[in-house]
Amino acid sequence: NVFAFPNAVNGSLWTLPVEAGAYVAIALAASLFAGVRARYAAVVIGVGLVLLSPMVNLEVRIPVGTDGRFLPTIAELYVAFAVGALMWLERERLSLRWRYVALCVGALALLRTSVWNDAAYALTIPYLTIFAAFRLPAAVRKLTDRTGDLSYGIYITAYPLQQTVAH
C-alpha cells in the first residue's frame, strides 16, 4: 500500500521546522535591510529562486511513497513563504485580478514539465491562494464567518485520519 507509512506519526507536522526557519530567514533579512520596504522578502525570494534554478540544481528532496513523487524542496517552500510575506507587506497595492490568475495558471501549465516547475509553483501558488481566500463567493464567506477558518485544523488532522484509513 503506497499510502500507508507505518513509521510516521503525523506527516503534516514536517513543515513546522521549515516554517520556523522561514521566520528566522525573514527576520535576518529584515535586520540586514531595515528601513527599505519589502526588500527583505524580495531578497529571500531572489536567493530562493537562485537555489531553485536549474543552474544550481539543488536536489534536496524527500520521497513520498513509491511512485516517484517528492515533497517540495525546502527552497521552494522558503520562496513561497517570502512571496506571501511580500504580498502582506504590499497588501495595499496588491491587485487580485482574474487576468493575473490566468497568467499564474498559464505559467504553471507551460512550465509543468520544465526545470522551472518548482520556481513556477513557488511564485504562483501564494497568489492563487490569496486570490481564492479573498475572492470567494459571498455564500462561502458567510459559511466561514460562522464556522471560523477550519483549514489548519483539517490540515493537521488529515494525515492521521488518512493513515488510519490506509492501515
C-alpha atoms as a PDB file:
ATOM      1  CA  ASN A   1       0.000   0.000   0.000  1.00  0.00           C
ATOM      2  CA  VAL A   2       1.719   3.205  -1.198  1.00  0.00           C
ATOM      3  CA  PHE A   3      -0.416   5.371   1.078  1.00  0.00           C
ATOM      4  CA  ALA A   4       0.457   3.762   4.406  1.00  0.00           C
ATOM      5  CA  PHE A   5       3.613   4.955   6.153  1.00  0.00           C
ATOM      6  CA  PRO A   6       3.984   2.664   9.180  1.00  0.00           C
ATOM      7  CA  ASN A   7       6.726   4.677  10.954  1.00  0.00           C
ATOM      8  CA  ALA A   8       5.206   8.145  10.609  1.00  0.00           C
ATOM      9  CA  VAL A   9       3.318   9.885  13.397  1.00  0.00           C
ATOM     10  CA  ASN A  10       1.938  12.924  11.601  1.00  0.00           C
ATOM     11  CA  GLY A  11       3.348  13.752   8.193  1.00  0.00           C
ATOM     12  CA  SER A  12       1.684  17.172   8.225  1.00  0.00           C
ATOM     13  CA  LEU A  13       3.978  18.345  11.008  1.00  0.00           C
ATOM     14  CA  TRP A  14       7.146  18.056   8.905  1.00  0.00           C
ATOM     15  CA  THR A  15       6.596  21.628   7.714  1.00  0.00           C
ATOM     16  CA  LEU A  16       6.829  23.199  11.185  1.00  0.00           C
ATOM     17  CA  PRO A  17      10.671  23.351  11.327  1.00  0.00           C
ATOM     18  CA  VAL A  18      10.666  24.710   7.761  1.00  0.00           C
ATOM     19  CA  GLU A  19       8.169  27.424   8.767  1.00  0.00           C
ATOM     20  CA  ALA A  20      10.242  28.336  11.831  1.00  0.00           C
ATOM     21  CA  GLY A  21      13.329  28.585   9.619  1.00  0.00           C
ATOM     22  CA  ALA A  22      11.437  30.830   7.199  1.00  0.00           C
ATOM     23  CA  TYR A  23      10.543  33.225  10.021  1.00  0.00           C
ATOM     24  CA  VAL A  24      14.222  33.293  11.070  1.00  0.00           C
ATOM     25  CA  ALA A  25      15.316  33.921   7.451  1.00  0.00           C
ATOM     26  CA  ILE A  26      12.841  36.793   7.092  1.00  0.00           C
ATOM     27  CA  ALA A  27      13.954  38.272  10.440  1.00  0.00           C
ATOM     28  CA  LEU A  28      17.632  38.079   9.437  1.00  0.00           C
ATOM     29  CA  ALA A  29      16.957  39.620   6.039  1.00  0.00           C
ATOM     30  CA  ALA A  30      14.837  42.330   7.697  1.00  0.00           C
ATOM     31  CA  SER A  31      17.654  43.219  10.062  1.00  0.00           C
ATOM     32  CA  LEU A  32      20.119  43.440   7.170  1.00  0.00           C
ATOM     33  CA  PHE A  33      17.815  45.588   5.031  1.00  0.00           C
ATOM     34  CA  ALA A  34      15.956  47.552   7.700  1.00  0.00           C
ATOM     35  CA  GLY A  35      14.180  50.672   6.542  1.00  0.00           C
ATOM     36  CA  VAL A  36      13.676  49.525   2.969  1.00  0.00           C
ATOM     37  CA  ARG A  37      10.063  48.473   2.490  1.00  0.00           C
ATOM     38  CA  ALA A  38       9.633  44.889   1.307  1.00  0.00           C
ATOM     39  CA  ARG A  39      13.254  44.486   0.301  1.00  0.00           C
ATOM     40  CA  TYR A  40      13.949  41.707   2.790  1.00  0.00           C
ATOM     41  CA  ALA A  41      11.193  39.488   1.409  1.00  0.00           C
ATOM     42  CA  ALA A  42      12.445  40.227  -2.099  1.00  0.00           C
ATOM     43  CA  VAL A  43      15.979  39.192  -1.075  1.00  0.00           C
ATOM     44  CA  VAL A  44      14.723  35.875   0.302  1.00  0.00           C
ATOM     45  CA  ILE A  45      12.720  35.331  -2.896  1.00  0.00           C
ATOM     46  CA  GLY A  46      15.774  36.115  -5.030  1.00  0.00           C
ATOM     47  CA  VAL A  47      18.083  33.783  -3.085  1.00  0.00           C
ATOM     48  CA  GLY A  48      15.431  31.059  -3.172  1.00  0.00           C
ATOM     49  CA  LEU A  49      14.956  31.412  -6.915  1.00  0.00           C
ATOM     50  CA  VAL A  50      18.699  31.059  -7.415  1.00  0.00           C
ATOM     51  CA  LEU A  51      18.588  27.870  -5.354  1.00  0.00           C
ATOM     52  CA  LEU A  52      15.632  26.629  -7.416  1.00  0.00           C
ATOM     53  CA  SER A  53      17.260  27.455 -10.731  1.00  0.00           C
ATOM     54  CA  PRO A  54      18.467  24.658 -12.985  1.00  0.00           C
ATOM     55  CA  MET A  55      21.973  26.153 -12.810  1.00  0.00           C
ATOM     56  CA  VAL A  56      22.216  25.261  -9.111  1.00  0.00           C
ATOM     57  CA  ASN A  57      20.207  22.031  -9.406  1.00  0.00           C
ATOM     58  CA  LEU A  58      19.714  21.692  -5.648  1.00  0.00           C
ATOM     59  CA  GLU A  59      18.089  18.267  -5.410  1.00  0.00           C
ATOM     60  CA  VAL A  60      17.298  18.035  -1.718  1.00  0.00           C
ATOM     61  CA  ARG A  61      14.020  16.165  -1.941  1.00  0.00           C
ATOM     62  CA  ILE A  62      12.112  13.881   0.361  1.00  0.00           C
ATOM     63  CA  PRO A  63      10.405  10.972  -1.451  1.00  0.00           C
ATOM     64  CA  VAL A  64       6.694  10.413  -0.864  1.00  0.00           C
ATOM     65  CA  GLY A  65       5.521   6.844  -1.372  1.00  0.00           C
ATOM     66  CA  THR A  66       6.929   4.583  -4.043  1.00  0.00           C
ATOM     67  CA  ASP A  67       5.601   6.258  -7.179  1.00  0.00           C
ATOM     68  CA  GLY A  68       8.389   8.801  -7.706  1.00  0.00           C
ATOM     69  CA  ARG A  69       6.648  11.789  -6.115  1.00  0.00           C
ATOM     70  CA  PHE A  70       8.571  14.178  -3.837  1.00  0.00           C
ATOM     71  CA  LEU A  71       7.725  16.747  -1.220  1.00  0.00           C
ATOM     72  CA  PRO A  72       8.585  20.300  -2.319  1.00  0.00           C
ATOM     73  CA  THR A  73      12.181  21.362  -1.850  1.00  0.00           C
ATOM     74  CA  ILE A  74      12.979  23.490   1.167  1.00  0.00           C
ATOM     75  CA  ALA A  75      13.989  26.334  -1.178  1.00  0.00           C
ATOM     76  CA  GLU A  76      10.596  26.145  -2.891  1.00  0.00           C
ATOM     77  CA  LEU A  77       8.841  26.460   0.459  1.00  0.00           C
ATOM     78  CA  TYR A  78      11.028  29.412   1.500  1.00  0.00           C
ATOM     79  CA  VAL A  79      10.308  31.219  -1.764  1.00  0.00           C
ATOM     80  CA  ALA A  80       6.569  30.629  -1.365  1.00  0.00           C
ATOM     81  CA  PHE A  81       6.767  31.883   2.236  1.00  0.00           C
ATOM     82  CA  ALA A  82       8.654  35.011   1.168  1.00  0.00           C
ATOM     83  CA  VAL A  83       6.196  35.659  -1.692  1.00  0.00           C
ATOM     84  CA  GLY A  84       3.379  35.504   0.862  1.00  0.00           C
ATOM     85  CA  ALA A  85       5.280  37.865   3.171  1.00  0.00           C
ATOM     86  CA  LEU A  86       5.879  40.269   0.280  1.00  0.00           C
ATOM     87  CA  MET A  87       2.186  40.178  -0.628  1.00  0.00           C
ATOM     88  CA  TRP A  88       1.351  41.019   3.002  1.00  0.00           C
ATOM     89  CA  LEU A  89       3.811  43.907   3.043  1.00  0.00           C
ATOM     90  CA  GLU A  90       2.410  45.232  -0.223  1.00  0.00           C
ATOM     91  CA  ARG A  91      -1.231  44.388   0.548  1.00  0.00           C
ATOM     92  CA  GLU A  92      -2.364  47.967  -0.102  1.00  0.00           C
ATOM     93  CA  ARG A  93      -1.075  47.701  -3.672  1.00  0.00           C
ATOM     94  CA  LEU A  94      -1.776  44.019  -4.296  1.00  0.00           C
ATOM     95  CA  SER A  95      -4.276  43.633  -7.102  1.00  0.00           C
ATOM     96  CA  LEU A  96      -6.408  40.484  -7.102  1.00  0.00           C
ATOM     97  CA  ARG A  97      -7.473  40.185 -10.718  1.00  0.00           C
ATOM     98  CA  TRP A  98      -8.716  37.297 -12.832  1.00  0.00           C
ATOM     99  CA  ARG A  99      -6.174  38.123 -15.550  1.00  0.00           C
ATOM    100  CA  TYR A 100      -3.343  37.528 -13.041  1.00  0.00           C
ATOM    101  CA  VAL A 101      -4.938  34.218 -12.098  1.00  0.00           C
ATOM    102  CA  ALA A 102      -4.934  33.326 -15.792  1.00  0.00           C
ATOM    103  CA  LEU A 103      -1.244  34.281 -16.029  1.00  0.00           C
ATOM    104  CA  CYS A 104      -0.419  32.144 -12.998  1.00  0.00           C
ATOM    105  CA  VAL A 105      -2.339  29.153 -14.321  1.00  0.00           C
ATOM    106  CA  GLY A 106      -0.779  29.636 -17.749  1.00  0.00           C
ATOM    107  CA  ALA A 107       2.719  29.749 -16.259  1.00  0.00           C
ATOM    108  CA  LEU A 108       2.042  26.598 -14.268  1.00  0.00           C
ATOM    109  CA  ALA A 109       0.751  24.816 -17.362  1.00  0.00           C
ATOM    110  CA  LEU A 110       3.629  25.947 -19.591  1.00  0.00           C
ATOM    111  CA  LEU A 111       6.351  25.160 -17.050  1.00  0.00           C
ATOM    112  CA  ARG A 112       4.800  21.951 -15.710  1.00  0.00           C
ATOM    113  CA  THR A 113       7.360  19.654 -17.315  1.00  0.00           C
ATOM    114  CA  SER A 114      10.298  22.079 -17.378  1.00  0.00           C
ATOM    115  CA  VAL A 115      13.187  22.547 -14.989  1.00  0.00           C
ATOM    116  CA  TRP A 116      11.459  25.760 -13.839  1.00  0.00           C
ATOM    117  CA  ASN A 117       8.418  23.912 -12.477  1.00  0.00           C
ATOM    118  CA  ASP A 118       9.409  24.325  -8.800  1.00  0.00           C
ATOM    119  CA  ALA A 119      10.055  28.051  -9.210  1.00  0.00           C
ATOM    120  CA  ALA A 120       6.717  28.496 -11.022  1.00  0.00           C
ATOM    121  CA  TYR A 121       4.848  26.824  -8.171  1.00  0.00           C
ATOM    122  CA  ALA A 122       6.695  28.814  -5.512  1.00  0.00           C
ATOM    123  CA  LEU A 123       5.868  32.100  -7.248  1.00  0.00           C
ATOM    124  CA  THR A 124       2.275  31.455  -8.304  1.00  0.00           C
ATOM    125  CA  ILE A 125       0.620  29.309  -5.631  1.00  0.00           C
ATOM    126  CA  PRO A 126       0.787  32.047  -2.952  1.00  0.00           C
ATOM    127  CA  TYR A 127      -1.023  34.493  -5.261  1.00  0.00           C
ATOM    128  CA  LEU A 128      -3.617  31.903  -6.239  1.00  0.00           C
ATOM    129  CA  THR A 129      -4.185  31.052  -2.572  1.00  0.00           C
ATOM    130  CA  ILE A 130      -4.668  34.693  -1.560  1.00  0.00           C
ATOM    131  CA  PHE A 131      -6.912  35.253  -4.560  1.00  0.00           C
ATOM    132  CA  ALA A 132      -9.093  32.288  -3.577  1.00  0.00           C
ATOM    133  CA  ALA A 133      -9.215  33.434   0.047  1.00  0.00           C
ATOM    134  CA  PHE A 134     -10.379  36.951  -0.741  1.00  0.00           C
ATOM    135  CA  ARG A 135     -12.417  36.428  -3.884  1.00  0.00           C
ATOM    136  CA  LEU A 136     -14.667  33.632  -2.627  1.00  0.00           C
ATOM    137  CA  PRO A 137     -18.387  33.941  -3.323  1.00  0.00           C
ATOM    138  CA  ALA A 138     -20.450  35.622  -0.598  1.00  0.00           C
ATOM    139  CA  ALA A 139     -22.179  32.351   0.352  1.00  0.00           C
ATOM    140  CA  VAL A 140     -18.842  30.699   1.108  1.00  0.00           C
ATOM    141  CA  ARG A 141     -17.646  33.718   3.112  1.00  0.00           C
ATOM    142  CA  LYS A 142     -20.855  33.615   5.139  1.00  0.00           C
ATOM    143  CA  LEU A 143     -20.240  29.942   5.965  1.00  0.00           C
ATOM    144  CA  THR A 144     -16.666  30.610   7.102  1.00  0.00           C
ATOM    145  CA  ASP A 145     -17.841  33.591   9.171  1.00  0.00           C
ATOM    146  CA  ARG A 146     -19.985  31.176  11.194  1.00  0.00           C
ATOM    147  CA  THR A 147     -17.512  28.299  11.465  1.00  0.00           C
ATOM    148  CA  GLY A 148     -14.191  30.122  11.501  1.00  0.00           C
ATOM    149  CA  ASP A 149     -11.194  29.042   9.463  1.00  0.00           C
ATOM    150  CA  LEU A 150     -11.061  25.264   9.546  1.00  0.00           C
ATOM    151  CA  SER A 151      -8.197  24.869   7.068  1.00  0.00           C
ATOM    152  CA  TYR A 152      -5.296  24.439   9.509  1.00  0.00           C
ATOM    153  CA  GLY A 153      -7.244  22.023  11.700  1.00  0.00           C
ATOM    154  CA  ILE A 154      -8.136  19.963   8.650  1.00  0.00           C
ATOM    155  CA  TYR A 155      -4.505  20.055   7.508  1.00  0.00           C
ATOM    156  CA  ILE A 156      -3.175  18.835  10.873  1.00  0.00           C
ATOM    157  CA  THR A 157      -5.768  16.070  11.331  1.00  0.00           C
ATOM    158  CA  ALA A 158      -5.892  14.893   7.703  1.00  0.00           C
ATOM    159  CA  TYR A 159      -2.675  12.863   7.791  1.00  0.00           C
ATOM    160  CA  PRO A 160      -3.513  10.769  10.874  1.00  0.00           C
ATOM    161  CA  LEU A 161      -7.011  10.127   9.506  1.00  0.00           C
ATOM    162  CA  GLN A 162      -5.669   9.168   6.071  1.00  0.00           C
ATOM    163  CA  GLN A 163      -3.152   6.798   7.628  1.00  0.00           C
ATOM    164  CA  THR A 164      -5.811   5.224   9.837  1.00  0.00           C
ATOM    165  CA  VAL A 165      -7.976   4.529   6.795  1.00  0.00           C
ATOM    166  CA  ALA A 166      -4.958   3.251   4.817  1.00  0.00           C
ATOM    167  CA  HIS A 167      -3.972   0.840   7.590  1.00  0.00           C
END
